[in-house]
């Protein structure tokens, strides 16, 4: 088909690099650290089956009907109660919008806020699906490098003195891809810089309940509520296949997001909303979350121990306190793309760092997922990856 038929907005948006890697991962002789997948062994299969069977008794035939764009009232109330119980945040159910995965929330913010050429500040490295979603609206990206405490505050403050961005995008807890969490000092400094401006901060927070060490830190929503949109998800604590997330936003912006959602899908599956609500009220969800955290903590520690044993000197990595990812960096000048070619021969996969940056064609960094392999597989896979590194970096 002639490319002239396609819209300008889609022309320069690349396919997801991770989705392409996952095709190779279908070969089960590979050990893959490439996906961003929760551990399927931890899905609450039987409780979900029971919830699905019960919803007709609870909600009647309406579970098969069209529903409100805003989402199920009882589910939004449940989400608001969990913010109060777990974070001490007073969230009005009326400020919660149910979305088709939190990824839809990113897209809705692009539709509601971004015109071509608008300034958008992002982490560097940044969640690649956010880059992909925002790219459709052709903003001017301003990546701010991450350090061990989150976005570099000095650079952020300097940038904010020069431009007035529409949006600042962050993943403050166990960031995808780096695994880094923003320190409390960084959060408060950024909130002070943004407070009183017209800039919106999009707090993408799908991992906050998956903490296996350290202490919980305050949400941007608690510090600058009128400048913050928070995204949450059931993907990490229930299942990603249900595609159920939510957005908490100030009234005026929420109204625009609802209009954008109505144009996209009318409403998120009401059947799925009812099923998840039933599961949440009928089961000890906190016990299940503790199980996930315990498992992921062991897997993360297994990966860091294996890295210490098998990676060559000069390779550094992050030390996540939760979430699903670890970020590693080879010495400057090394190519993670070339490493992937070597790793494929060793039957191990990872995601090179390039897709998590704007305009960078090669990097020395990589994202490693530790949630989808058991501890022995992690050890074997990291040994294979270490062997690939030693072939690529023989003189280092």
Protein backbone atom coordinates (compact mmCIF):
# COMPACT_ATOMS: atom_id res chain seq x y z
CA UNK A 1 0.00 0.00 0.00
CA UNK A 2 1.25 3.49 -0.86
CA UNK A 3 2.61 5.23 2.26
CA UNK A 4 0.94 8.48 1.20
CA UNK A 5 -2.37 7.11 2.47
CA UNK A 6 -1.22 7.08 6.11
CA UNK A 7 -1.61 9.96 8.55
CA UNK A 8 1.36 12.14 9.47
CA UNK A 9 0.95 11.22 13.15
CA UNK A 10 1.56 7.51 12.56
CA UNK A 11 4.33 7.80 10.00
CA UNK A 12 7.28 8.18 12.39
CA UNK A 13 6.05 6.09 15.34
CA UNK A 14 8.06 2.85 15.51
CA UNK A 15 6.78 -0.62 16.32
CA UNK A 16 7.36 -1.73 19.90
CA UNK A 17 10.86 -3.20 20.14
CA UNK A 18 9.77 -5.41 23.04
CA UNK A 19 6.88 -6.87 21.05
CA UNK A 20 9.36 -7.90 18.38
CA UNK A 21 11.66 -9.52 20.96
CA UNK A 22 8.74 -11.47 22.42
CA UNK A 23 8.33 -13.25 19.08
CA UNK A 24 11.83 -14.74 19.50
CA UNK A 25 11.01 -15.62 23.11
CA UNK A 26 8.34 -18.05 21.89
CA UNK A 27 11.25 -20.45 21.36
CA UNK A 28 11.30 -22.12 24.77
CA UNK A 29 15.00 -22.98 24.54
CA UNK A 30 15.62 -19.28 25.24
CA UNK A 31 15.69 -17.72 28.69
CA UNK A 32 14.09 -14.31 28.32
CA UNK A 33 14.65 -11.26 30.49
CA UNK A 34 13.09 -9.20 27.71
CA UNK A 35 9.40 -9.08 28.54
CA UNK A 36 7.63 -6.86 31.02
CA UNK A 37 5.37 -9.67 32.13
CA UNK A 38 4.17 -10.52 35.64
CA UNK A 39 4.78 -14.10 36.74
CA UNK A 40 1.90 -16.19 35.38
CA UNK A 41 2.36 -18.73 38.20
CA UNK A 42 1.10 -16.07 40.61
CA UNK A 43 -2.15 -15.26 38.79
CA UNK A 44 -5.16 -15.88 41.10
CA UNK A 45 -6.80 -18.23 38.63
CA UNK A 46 -9.30 -20.05 40.85
CA UNK A 47 -10.48 -16.90 42.70
CA UNK A 48 -10.96 -15.14 39.35
CA UNK A 49 -12.98 -18.10 38.05
CA UNK A 50 -15.16 -17.92 41.16
CA UNK A 51 -15.61 -14.17 40.81
CA UNK A 52 -16.60 -14.50 37.14
CA UNK A 53 -19.22 -17.11 38.05
CA UNK A 54 -20.63 -14.97 40.87
CA UNK A 55 -21.05 -11.63 39.12
CA UNK A 56 -24.38 -12.53 37.52
CA UNK A 57 -25.72 -13.23 40.99
CA UNK A 58 -24.37 -9.90 42.26
CA UNK A 59 -24.97 -7.59 39.30
CA UNK A 60 -27.51 -9.44 37.15
CA UNK A 61 -27.62 -9.30 33.37
CA UNK A 62 -26.28 -5.73 33.46
CA UNK A 63 -22.74 -7.16 33.40
CA UNK A 64 -23.33 -7.73 29.67
CA UNK A 65 -24.73 -4.25 29.01
CA UNK A 66 -23.25 -0.92 27.99
CA UNK A 67 -22.08 1.07 31.02
CA UNK A 68 -20.95 4.52 32.17
CA UNK A 69 -17.81 5.90 30.55
CA UNK A 70 -16.48 6.81 34.00
CA UNK A 71 -16.60 3.18 35.11
CA UNK A 72 -18.35 1.12 37.76
CA UNK A 73 -19.29 3.22 40.78
CA UNK A 74 -18.52 0.45 43.28
CA UNK A 75 -15.12 -0.21 41.68
CA UNK A 76 -14.21 3.48 41.78
CA UNK A 77 -15.26 3.60 45.43
CA UNK A 78 -13.10 0.55 46.14
CA UNK A 79 -10.08 2.21 44.49
CA UNK A 80 -10.67 5.38 46.53
CA UNK A 81 -10.86 3.35 49.77
CA UNK A 82 -7.59 1.58 48.98
CA UNK A 83 -5.83 4.94 48.48
CA UNK A 84 -7.10 5.97 51.93
CA UNK A 85 -6.17 2.70 53.62
CA UNK A 86 -2.78 2.13 51.98
CA UNK A 87 -1.52 5.65 51.28
CA UNK A 88 -3.55 7.88 53.59
CA UNK A 89 -4.83 9.80 50.55
CA UNK A 90 -8.32 11.26 50.38
CA UNK A 91 -9.43 10.46 46.83
CA UNK A 92 -12.98 11.20 45.73
CA UNK A 93 -14.51 8.35 43.71
CA UNK A 94 -15.79 11.03 41.33
CA UNK A 95 -12.17 11.80 40.43
CA UNK A 96 -11.45 8.21 39.39
CA UNK A 97 -11.82 7.17 35.75
CA UNK A 98 -11.63 3.47 34.89
CA UNK A 99 -9.41 2.85 31.87
CA UNK A 100 -8.56 -0.05 29.60
CA UNK A 101 -5.21 -0.62 31.25
CA UNK A 102 -3.17 2.28 32.59
CA UNK A 103 -1.65 2.53 29.10
CA UNK A 104 -4.94 4.05 27.95
CA UNK A 105 -4.48 6.73 30.60
CA UNK A 106 -1.21 7.78 28.96
CA UNK A 107 -2.94 8.04 25.60
CA UNK A 108 -5.87 10.00 27.05
CA UNK A 109 -3.45 12.55 28.52
CA UNK A 110 -1.83 12.90 25.12
CA UNK A 111 -5.22 13.51 23.50
CA UNK A 112 -6.38 15.92 26.19
CA UNK A 113 -3.21 17.98 26.60
CA UNK A 114 -0.67 17.76 23.78
CA UNK A 115 -0.66 19.78 20.59
CA UNK A 116 2.06 19.35 17.99
CA UNK A 117 5.22 21.06 19.20
CA UNK A 118 4.18 21.25 22.87
CA UNK A 119 6.93 20.66 25.42
CA UNK A 120 6.83 17.35 27.32
CA UNK A 121 9.41 16.45 29.98
CA UNK A 122 10.24 12.77 30.47
CA UNK A 123 12.64 10.61 32.47
CA UNK A 124 15.78 9.39 30.69
CA UNK A 125 15.61 6.44 30.27
CA UNK A 126 11.80 6.46 29.90
CA UNK A 127 9.06 3.83 29.67
CA UNK A 128 9.11 3.11 25.96
CA UNK A 129 5.33 2.66 25.57
CA UNK A 130 4.87 6.19 26.95
CA UNK A 131 7.31 7.50 24.33
CA UNK A 132 5.34 5.58 21.70
CA UNK A 133 1.96 6.90 22.93
CA UNK A 134 3.03 10.55 23.22
CA UNK A 135 4.86 10.44 19.87
CA UNK A 136 1.51 10.19 18.11
CA UNK A 137 0.80 13.78 19.18
CA UNK A 138 4.19 15.07 18.00
CA UNK A 139 5.42 16.90 21.10
CA UNK A 140 8.90 18.30 21.69
CA UNK A 141 10.45 15.85 24.15
CA UNK A 142 12.83 17.07 26.86
CA UNK A 143 14.52 14.04 28.47
CA UNK A 144 16.02 14.63 31.91
CA UNK A 145 18.64 12.03 32.95
CA UNK A 146 17.95 9.83 35.95
CA UNK A 147 20.34 9.45 38.86
CA UNK A 148 20.04 7.13 41.84
CA UNK A 149 17.28 9.29 43.35
CA UNK A 150 15.14 9.84 40.25
CA UNK A 151 15.04 12.68 37.76
CA UNK A 152 18.02 15.06 38.07
CA UNK A 153 16.42 17.93 40.01
CA UNK A 154 19.01 20.56 39.10
CA UNK A 155 18.54 19.91 35.39
CA UNK A 156 14.77 19.83 35.84
CA UNK A 157 14.76 23.17 37.65
CA UNK A 158 17.00 24.72 35.01
CA UNK A 159 14.73 23.46 32.21
CA UNK A 160 11.59 24.70 33.96
CA UNK A 161 13.14 28.17 34.18
CA UNK A 162 13.38 28.22 30.39
CA UNK A 163 10.21 26.51 29.15
CA UNK A 164 6.63 25.96 30.30
CA UNK A 165 5.93 22.31 29.53
CA UNK A 166 2.38 21.04 29.23
CA UNK A 167 3.33 17.74 30.84
CA UNK A 168 5.97 16.07 32.99
CA UNK A 169 5.86 12.27 32.78
CA UNK A 170 7.32 10.13 35.56
CA UNK A 171 7.26 6.57 36.90
CA UNK A 172 8.29 7.40 40.48
CA UNK A 173 8.18 3.92 42.01
CA UNK A 174 10.46 1.17 40.65
CA UNK A 175 10.67 2.89 37.31
CA UNK A 176 10.32 0.99 34.07
CA UNK A 177 13.00 0.46 32.76
CA UNK A 178 15.54 1.37 35.46
CA UNK A 179 13.96 -0.02 38.63
CA UNK A 180 14.93 3.25 40.37
CA UNK A 181 12.53 4.94 42.80
CA UNK A 182 12.37 8.69 43.29
CA UNK A 183 13.65 9.67 46.74
CA UNK A 184 11.36 11.73 48.97
CA UNK A 185 13.71 14.69 48.59
CA UNK A 186 13.46 14.51 44.78
CA UNK A 187 9.67 14.25 44.91
CA UNK A 188 9.33 17.26 47.17
CA UNK A 189 11.81 19.34 45.16
CA UNK A 190 10.01 18.59 41.88
CA UNK A 191 6.63 19.29 43.47
CA UNK A 192 7.87 22.68 44.68
CA UNK A 193 9.12 23.55 41.19
CA UNK A 194 5.81 22.58 39.56
CA UNK A 195 3.50 24.05 42.22
CA UNK A 196 1.73 27.19 41.03
CA UNK A 197 2.43 26.53 37.34
CA UNK A 198 0.10 25.22 34.65
CA UNK A 199 2.29 22.15 34.10
CA UNK A 200 0.64 18.79 34.75
CA UNK A 201 2.66 15.93 36.22
CA UNK A 202 1.61 12.48 35.03
CA UNK A 203 2.47 10.03 37.82
CA UNK A 204 2.43 6.61 36.15
CA UNK A 205 2.34 4.31 39.17
CA UNK A 206 1.50 0.69 38.24
CA UNK A 207 4.15 -0.87 40.51
CA UNK A 208 3.68 0.96 43.83
CA UNK A 209 2.19 -2.04 45.65
CA UNK A 210 4.97 -4.38 44.49
CA UNK A 211 7.53 -3.28 47.10
CA UNK A 212 9.79 -5.98 48.54
CA UNK A 213 12.24 -3.81 50.50
CA UNK A 214 12.55 -0.24 51.79
CA UNK A 215 9.67 2.01 52.79
CA UNK A 216 6.71 3.54 50.97
CA UNK A 217 7.21 7.11 49.77
CA UNK A 218 4.65 9.90 49.31
CA UNK A 219 2.75 10.29 46.07
CA UNK A 220 2.97 13.47 44.02
CA UNK A 221 -0.81 13.48 44.38
CA UNK A 222 -0.36 14.21 48.10
CA UNK A 223 1.90 17.20 47.41
CA UNK A 224 0.51 18.92 44.29
CA UNK A 225 -2.98 17.42 43.78
CA UNK A 226 -4.15 20.08 41.34
CA UNK A 227 -1.08 19.53 39.13
CA UNK A 228 -1.05 15.71 39.32
CA UNK A 229 -2.69 12.96 37.33
CA UNK A 230 -2.05 9.52 38.83
CA UNK A 231 -2.39 6.27 36.89
CA UNK A 232 -2.89 2.90 38.55
CA UNK A 233 -3.39 -0.64 37.34
CA UNK A 234 -4.70 -4.06 38.32
CA UNK A 235 -2.22 -5.62 35.88
CA UNK A 236 0.50 -6.18 38.48
CA UNK A 237 -1.67 -7.26 41.44
CA UNK A 238 -4.32 -9.30 39.57
CA UNK A 239 -3.54 -9.93 35.88
CA UNK A 240 -2.43 -7.90 32.84
CA UNK A 241 -4.79 -9.81 30.54
CA UNK A 242 -7.84 -8.19 32.09
CA UNK A 243 -6.62 -4.77 30.81
CA UNK A 244 -8.01 -2.78 33.74
CA UNK A 245 -6.52 0.42 35.11
CA UNK A 246 -7.58 3.81 36.37
CA UNK A 247 -6.79 7.49 36.41
CA UNK A 248 -7.17 10.02 39.23
CA UNK A 249 -7.21 13.61 37.97
CA UNK A 250 -8.42 17.14 38.75
CA UNK A 251 -12.03 17.73 37.71
CA UNK A 252 -11.48 19.84 34.58
CA UNK A 253 -8.85 17.52 33.15
CA UNK A 254 -10.85 14.42 34.07
CA UNK A 255 -13.81 15.79 32.11
CA UNK A 256 -11.64 16.11 28.98
CA UNK A 257 -10.23 12.62 29.53
CA UNK A 258 -13.77 11.21 29.71
CA UNK A 259 -14.63 12.86 26.39
CA UNK A 260 -11.45 11.41 24.84
CA UNK A 261 -12.31 7.96 26.22
CA UNK A 262 -15.86 8.12 24.88
CA UNK A 263 -14.41 8.75 21.42
CA UNK A 264 -12.02 5.80 21.83
CA UNK A 265 -14.03 2.93 23.33
CA UNK A 266 -17.23 4.27 24.99
CA UNK A 267 -16.28 2.49 28.23
CA UNK A 268 -13.97 -0.20 29.61
CA UNK A 269 -15.46 -3.71 29.68
CA UNK A 270 -18.14 -3.67 32.36
CA UNK A 271 -17.94 -7.46 32.65
CA UNK A 272 -14.26 -7.22 33.57
CA UNK A 273 -14.88 -4.35 36.00
CA UNK A 274 -17.54 -6.39 37.83
CA UNK A 275 -15.34 -9.47 37.87
CA UNK A 276 -12.38 -7.63 39.38
CA UNK A 277 -14.59 -5.90 41.93
CA UNK A 278 -16.02 -9.29 42.97
CA UNK A 279 -12.53 -10.76 43.24
CA UNK A 280 -11.30 -7.83 45.33
CA UNK A 281 -14.14 -7.97 47.87
CA UNK A 282 -14.28 -11.78 48.18
CA UNK A 283 -10.55 -12.45 48.71
CA UNK A 284 -7.61 -11.48 50.89
CA UNK A 285 -5.95 -9.37 48.23
CA UNK A 286 -3.29 -8.05 50.59
CA UNK A 287 -2.14 -11.63 51.28
CA UNK A 288 -1.88 -12.22 47.52
CA UNK A 289 0.13 -9.01 47.07
CA UNK A 290 2.51 -10.09 49.85
CA UNK A 291 3.01 -13.37 47.97
CA UNK A 292 3.90 -11.46 44.79
CA UNK A 293 6.30 -9.17 46.67
CA UNK A 294 8.02 -12.10 48.38
CA UNK A 295 8.45 -13.96 45.10
CA UNK A 296 9.72 -10.95 43.14
CA UNK A 297 12.09 -10.01 45.95
CA UNK A 298 13.69 -13.46 45.83
CA UNK A 299 13.94 -13.33 42.04
CA UNK A 300 15.48 -9.85 42.10
CA UNK A 301 18.07 -10.90 44.69
CA UNK A 302 18.84 -14.02 42.64
CA UNK A 303 19.51 -11.84 39.59
CA UNK A 304 21.76 -9.41 41.49
CA UNK A 305 23.70 -12.31 43.04
CA UNK A 306 24.17 -13.92 39.61
CA UNK A 307 25.28 -10.59 38.09
CA UNK A 308 27.93 -10.27 40.79
CA UNK A 309 29.17 -13.77 39.97
CA UNK A 310 28.99 -13.86 36.16
CA UNK A 311 29.15 -10.33 34.68
CA UNK A 312 32.60 -8.99 33.81
CA UNK A 313 34.14 -6.11 35.80
CA UNK A 314 32.91 -2.64 34.92
CA UNK A 315 29.24 -3.63 34.45
CA UNK A 316 26.99 -1.73 36.87
CA UNK A 317 23.32 -2.17 37.75
CA UNK A 318 20.46 -0.64 39.72
CA UNK A 319 19.26 -2.07 43.04
CA UNK A 320 15.44 -2.11 42.87
CA UNK A 321 13.33 -2.11 46.03
CA UNK A 322 10.31 -3.35 44.13
CA UNK A 323 8.72 -3.68 40.72
CA UNK A 324 9.85 -5.94 37.91
CA UNK A 325 13.03 -4.56 36.33
CA UNK A 326 16.73 -4.06 36.81
CA UNK A 327 18.87 -1.72 34.68
CA UNK A 328 22.43 -2.63 33.78
CA UNK A 329 25.17 -0.65 32.05
CA UNK A 330 28.32 -1.90 30.37
CA UNK A 331 31.40 0.37 30.15
CA UNK A 332 31.05 3.46 27.96
CA UNK A 333 31.41 2.73 24.27
CA UNK A 334 30.00 -0.79 24.48
CA UNK A 335 26.93 -1.57 22.38
CA UNK A 336 23.92 -3.32 23.87
CA UNK A 337 22.60 -3.93 20.34
CA UNK A 338 25.75 -5.87 19.51
CA UNK A 339 25.44 -7.63 22.85
CA UNK A 340 21.91 -8.76 21.92
CA UNK A 341 23.29 -10.41 18.77
CA UNK A 342 25.79 -12.30 20.92
CA UNK A 343 23.14 -13.11 23.53
CA UNK A 344 20.79 -14.65 20.96
CA UNK A 345 23.55 -17.15 20.13
CA UNK A 346 23.73 -17.94 23.86
CA UNK A 347 19.93 -18.43 23.97
CA UNK A 348 19.19 -15.51 26.30
CA UNK A 349 17.20 -12.32 25.64
CA UNK A 350 17.03 -8.82 27.13
CA UNK A 351 15.98 -5.37 25.93
CA UNK A 352 18.80 -3.04 24.77
CA UNK A 353 18.58 0.45 26.20
CA UNK A 354 18.03 2.31 22.90
CA UNK A 355 14.19 2.27 22.79
CA UNK A 356 14.05 3.92 26.23
CA UNK A 357 15.82 7.05 24.96
CA UNK A 358 14.88 9.81 22.51
CA UNK A 359 17.09 9.89 19.44
CA UNK A 360 19.80 7.55 20.71
CA UNK A 361 20.83 4.92 18.17
CA UNK A 362 23.11 2.84 20.35
CA UNK A 363 23.76 2.64 24.06
CA UNK A 364 25.67 0.61 26.61
CA UNK A 365 22.56 -0.04 28.74
CA UNK A 366 19.92 -2.77 29.01
CA UNK A 367 16.71 -3.64 30.83
CA UNK A 368 16.46 -7.01 32.56
CA UNK A 369 13.13 -8.42 33.76
CA UNK A 370 13.41 -10.77 36.74
CA UNK A 371 9.77 -11.76 37.31
CA UNK A 372 9.19 -14.39 34.62
CA UNK A 373 12.01 -16.82 35.36
CA UNK A 374 12.58 -18.95 38.44
CA UNK A 375 15.76 -18.54 40.47
CA UNK A 376 17.65 -21.33 38.67
CA UNK A 377 16.63 -19.98 35.26
CA UNK A 378 17.77 -16.53 36.33
CA UNK A 379 21.16 -17.87 37.35
CA UNK A 380 21.55 -19.81 34.08
CA UNK A 381 20.35 -16.88 31.96
CA UNK A 382 22.67 -14.37 33.64
CA UNK A 383 25.57 -16.80 33.19
CA UNK A 384 24.72 -16.99 29.47
CA UNK A 385 24.49 -13.20 29.26
CA UNK A 386 27.79 -12.85 31.12
CA UNK A 387 29.40 -15.19 28.57
CA UNK A 388 28.03 -13.01 25.76
CA UNK A 389 29.45 -9.90 27.44
CA UNK A 390 32.88 -11.50 27.78
CA UNK A 391 32.89 -12.28 24.06
CA UNK A 392 31.90 -8.70 23.24
CA UNK A 393 34.29 -7.13 25.76
CA UNK A 394 37.33 -9.43 25.63
CA UNK A 395 39.88 -6.79 26.59
CA UNK A 396 37.90 -5.18 29.41
